[in-house]
Protein backbone atom coordinates (compact mmCIF):
# COMPACT_ATOMS: atom_id res chain seq x y z
CA MET A 1 -18.83 -17.77 29.80
CA ALA A 2 -15.53 -17.46 27.98
CA LEU A 3 -15.36 -15.45 24.80
CA ALA A 4 -13.99 -17.04 21.63
CA THR A 5 -10.39 -16.10 20.92
CA SER A 6 -10.28 -17.39 17.35
CA SER A 7 -12.44 -17.39 14.25
CA VAL A 8 -12.49 -18.71 10.71
CA ILE A 9 -12.25 -15.70 8.43
CA THR A 10 -12.33 -15.16 4.68
CA LEU A 11 -9.78 -12.80 3.18
CA HIS A 12 -9.97 -11.48 -0.40
CA ILE A 13 -6.36 -11.15 -1.51
CA ASN A 14 -5.17 -10.37 -5.04
CA GLY A 15 -8.47 -11.52 -6.49
CA GLU A 16 -8.50 -14.83 -4.60
CA ARG A 17 -10.52 -15.92 -1.56
CA TYR A 18 -8.80 -17.56 1.39
CA SER A 19 -10.60 -19.03 4.40
CA LEU A 20 -8.47 -19.71 7.44
CA PRO A 21 -8.76 -20.02 11.19
CA VAL A 22 -6.95 -17.23 13.03
CA ASP A 23 -6.41 -16.14 16.58
CA HIS A 24 -8.10 -12.76 16.97
CA ARG A 25 -4.71 -11.20 17.77
CA THR A 26 -3.15 -12.29 14.44
CA THR A 27 -2.06 -9.34 12.33
CA LEU A 28 -2.78 -9.15 8.63
CA LEU A 29 0.99 -9.25 8.07
CA ASP A 30 1.37 -12.55 9.94
CA ALA A 31 -1.67 -14.03 8.20
CA LEU A 32 -0.22 -13.09 4.80
CA ARG A 33 3.32 -14.31 5.47
CA GLU A 34 2.93 -17.18 7.93
CA ARG A 35 -0.47 -18.60 7.07
CA LEU A 36 -0.85 -17.90 3.34
CA ASP A 37 2.82 -17.93 2.23
CA LEU A 38 2.48 -14.51 0.57
CA THR A 39 5.95 -13.42 1.59
CA GLY A 40 6.34 -10.42 -0.72
CA THR A 41 5.06 -8.22 2.10
CA LYS A 42 7.99 -7.78 4.48
CA LYS A 43 8.14 -7.61 8.26
CA GLY A 44 10.39 -4.70 9.18
CA CYS A 45 9.89 -2.94 12.49
CA ASP A 46 6.60 -4.72 13.35
CA GLN A 47 5.48 -1.43 14.95
CA GLY A 48 4.01 0.49 12.00
CA GLN A 49 6.94 2.85 11.63
CA CYS A 50 8.94 1.61 8.62
CA GLY A 51 6.30 0.86 5.97
CA ALA A 52 7.93 -2.38 4.78
CA CYS A 53 4.63 -4.19 5.29
CA THR A 54 2.47 -1.71 3.37
CA VAL A 55 -0.35 -3.33 1.39
CA LEU A 56 -3.50 -1.89 -0.16
CA VAL A 57 -6.78 -2.56 1.65
CA ASP A 58 -9.78 -1.42 -0.35
CA GLY A 59 -7.28 0.59 -2.39
CA ARG A 60 -5.84 2.49 0.56
CA ARG A 61 -2.38 2.15 2.03
CA THR A 62 -2.28 0.09 5.21
CA VAL A 63 0.62 -1.07 7.33
CA ALA A 64 -0.25 -4.75 7.69
CA CYS A 65 1.64 -5.16 10.97
CA LEU A 66 -0.93 -2.94 12.74
CA GLN A 67 -4.04 -4.28 10.97
CA LEU A 68 -5.70 -7.27 12.59
CA ALA A 69 -6.57 -10.01 10.12
CA VAL A 70 -10.12 -10.26 11.48
CA ALA A 71 -10.63 -6.55 10.72
CA ALA A 72 -9.64 -7.16 7.09
CA GLU A 73 -12.28 -9.82 6.54
CA GLY A 74 -14.39 -9.10 3.46
CA ARG A 75 -12.17 -6.24 2.30
CA GLU A 76 -10.11 -6.25 -0.91
CA ILE A 77 -6.44 -6.71 -0.10
CA THR A 78 -3.70 -6.21 -2.68
CA THR A 79 -0.13 -7.25 -1.99
CA VAL A 80 2.89 -6.79 -4.22
CA GLU A 81 2.22 -10.28 -5.63
CA GLY A 82 -1.10 -9.05 -7.03
CA LEU A 83 0.11 -6.00 -8.92
CA ALA A 84 1.53 -7.42 -12.15
CA ASP A 85 -0.73 -8.52 -14.99
CA GLY A 86 0.90 -11.81 -15.92
CA ASP A 87 4.39 -10.98 -17.17
CA ARG A 88 3.55 -7.27 -17.52
CA LEU A 89 4.64 -5.34 -14.46
CA HIS A 90 2.47 -2.65 -12.93
CA PRO A 91 3.70 0.80 -14.11
CA VAL A 92 5.03 1.55 -10.61
CA GLN A 93 6.92 -1.74 -10.51
CA GLN A 94 8.35 -1.05 -13.97
CA ALA A 95 9.45 2.45 -12.95
CA PHE A 96 11.18 1.10 -9.83
CA LEU A 97 12.98 -1.45 -12.01
CA ASP A 98 13.92 1.05 -14.74
CA LEU A 99 15.19 3.70 -12.33
CA ASP A 100 16.81 1.47 -9.66
CA GLY A 101 14.27 2.46 -7.02
CA TYR A 102 15.66 -0.25 -4.77
CA GLN A 103 18.99 -1.48 -3.50
CA CYS A 104 18.67 -4.51 -1.24
CA GLY A 105 14.98 -4.75 -2.16
CA TYR A 106 13.65 -5.43 1.34
CA CYS A 107 11.55 -2.27 1.54
CA THR A 108 10.60 -2.34 -2.14
CA PRO A 109 7.24 -4.17 -1.90
CA GLY A 110 6.01 -1.70 0.71
CA GLN A 111 7.43 1.24 -1.22
CA ILE A 112 5.64 0.10 -4.39
CA CYS A 113 2.29 -0.48 -2.68
CA SER A 114 2.62 2.87 -0.94
CA ALA A 115 3.50 4.61 -4.23
CA ILE A 116 0.34 3.22 -5.85
CA GLY A 117 -1.67 4.53 -2.91
CA VAL A 118 0.11 7.90 -3.14
CA LEU A 119 -0.72 8.27 -6.82
CA ALA A 120 -4.39 7.43 -6.21
CA GLU A 121 -4.60 9.87 -3.29
CA HIS A 122 -2.96 12.59 -5.39
CA ALA A 123 -5.31 11.96 -8.32
CA ALA A 124 -8.26 12.21 -5.93
CA GLY A 125 -7.04 15.67 -4.91
CA TRP A 126 -5.95 14.81 -1.39
CA PRO A 127 -3.44 17.38 -0.12
CA SER A 128 -0.33 16.55 1.89
CA ALA A 129 1.69 18.55 4.40
CA ALA A 130 3.78 19.75 1.43
CA SER A 131 0.77 20.99 -0.56
CA ALA A 132 0.80 24.77 -0.92
CA ASP A 133 -2.97 25.09 -1.43
CA VAL A 134 -5.11 22.59 0.46
CA ARG A 135 -8.49 23.93 -0.60
CA PRO A 136 -10.55 21.23 -2.38
CA ALA A 137 -11.28 23.66 -5.22
CA ALA A 138 -7.54 23.90 -5.93
CA GLY A 139 -7.51 20.29 -7.15
CA PRO A 140 -4.47 18.05 -6.99
CA PRO A 141 -1.26 19.92 -6.20
CA PRO A 142 1.63 19.59 -8.65
CA LEU A 143 3.36 16.28 -8.02
CA THR A 144 6.78 17.77 -7.28
CA ALA A 145 9.69 15.91 -5.73
CA ASP A 146 8.87 17.55 -2.37
CA GLU A 147 5.25 16.42 -2.68
CA ILE A 148 6.33 12.84 -3.45
CA ARG A 149 8.83 12.81 -0.58
CA GLU A 150 6.21 14.00 1.89
CA ARG A 151 3.62 11.49 0.72
CA MET A 152 6.14 8.61 0.79
CA SER A 153 7.63 9.62 4.14
CA GLY A 154 6.02 6.68 5.97
CA ASN A 155 8.23 4.25 4.06
CA LEU A 156 11.84 3.98 5.16
CA CYS A 157 14.78 2.64 3.14
CA ARG A 158 17.95 1.71 5.03
CA CYS A 159 19.93 1.64 1.78
CA GLY A 160 19.04 5.24 1.00
CA ALA A 161 17.52 4.73 -2.46
CA TYR A 162 15.24 7.73 -1.90
CA THR A 163 16.36 9.72 -4.93
CA SER A 164 15.59 6.80 -7.25
CA ILE A 165 12.32 6.09 -5.44
CA VAL A 166 11.14 9.69 -5.94
CA GLU A 167 12.12 9.49 -9.63
CA ALA A 168 10.28 6.17 -10.00
CA VAL A 169 7.09 7.53 -8.45
CA ALA A 170 7.27 10.61 -10.72
CA ARG A 171 7.80 8.39 -13.78
CA ALA A 172 4.88 6.17 -12.84
CA ALA A 173 2.68 9.26 -12.40
CA GLU A 174 3.57 10.30 -15.95
CA SER A 175 2.40 6.92 -17.27
CA GLY A 176 -1.20 7.93 -16.63
CA PRO A 177 -4.23 6.36 -15.00
CA ALA A 178 -2.88 2.79 -15.20
CA SER A 179 -0.48 3.67 -12.39
CA ARG A 180 -3.39 4.59 -10.14
CA THR A 181 -5.03 1.20 -9.70
CA ALA A 182 -5.71 1.88 -6.05
CA VAL A 183 -9.17 3.15 -5.26
CA VAL A 184 -9.40 5.95 -2.75
CA PRO A 185 -12.95 5.90 -1.47
CA GLY A 186 -14.76 9.16 -0.89
CA PRO A 187 -16.68 9.98 2.27
CA LYS A 188 -19.28 7.46 3.35
CA GLU A 189 -22.92 8.39 2.90
CA PRO A 190 -24.83 8.62 6.17
CA ALA A 191 -27.14 5.71 6.87
CA ALA A 192 -30.79 6.48 6.20
């Protein structure tokens, strides 16, 4: 008996539901770009190393080129297209615009989604490799330039806009909780 190699899945993207048939090997990135015409998410290296395809899945940063679409079924997916509130840009988007946190713009959608994830992780008290004190009781470390660089290190920019990107993330952090729309879930409760 041959196993099925495709399924009809339902994806929850930017507050909308999409049902589509997919081959089980289809990545979330290809489903977004090729099947749903959500082309804001970019295909860079297609190997999970550049971060251009970063989206938020259940509020956490995910490189969409390594995530299978079938594994994202039923989860909340946010792409760069889903960040603005009408004509009002998300605080991270506005900071990138105000501080020239982009040059060619190719990596920008992934940088912005990653920055939103970074700010939520930081607010939740998650340490990074740059954090001086990683004890949970220490709370969130200061969001220094080194801390931002370390947390954003999975996103590459060929144009070298890193200085402006770090400034944009810092500015967005100053704008308060609105910049932290990503949800970083805590540990799962054990099943009873």
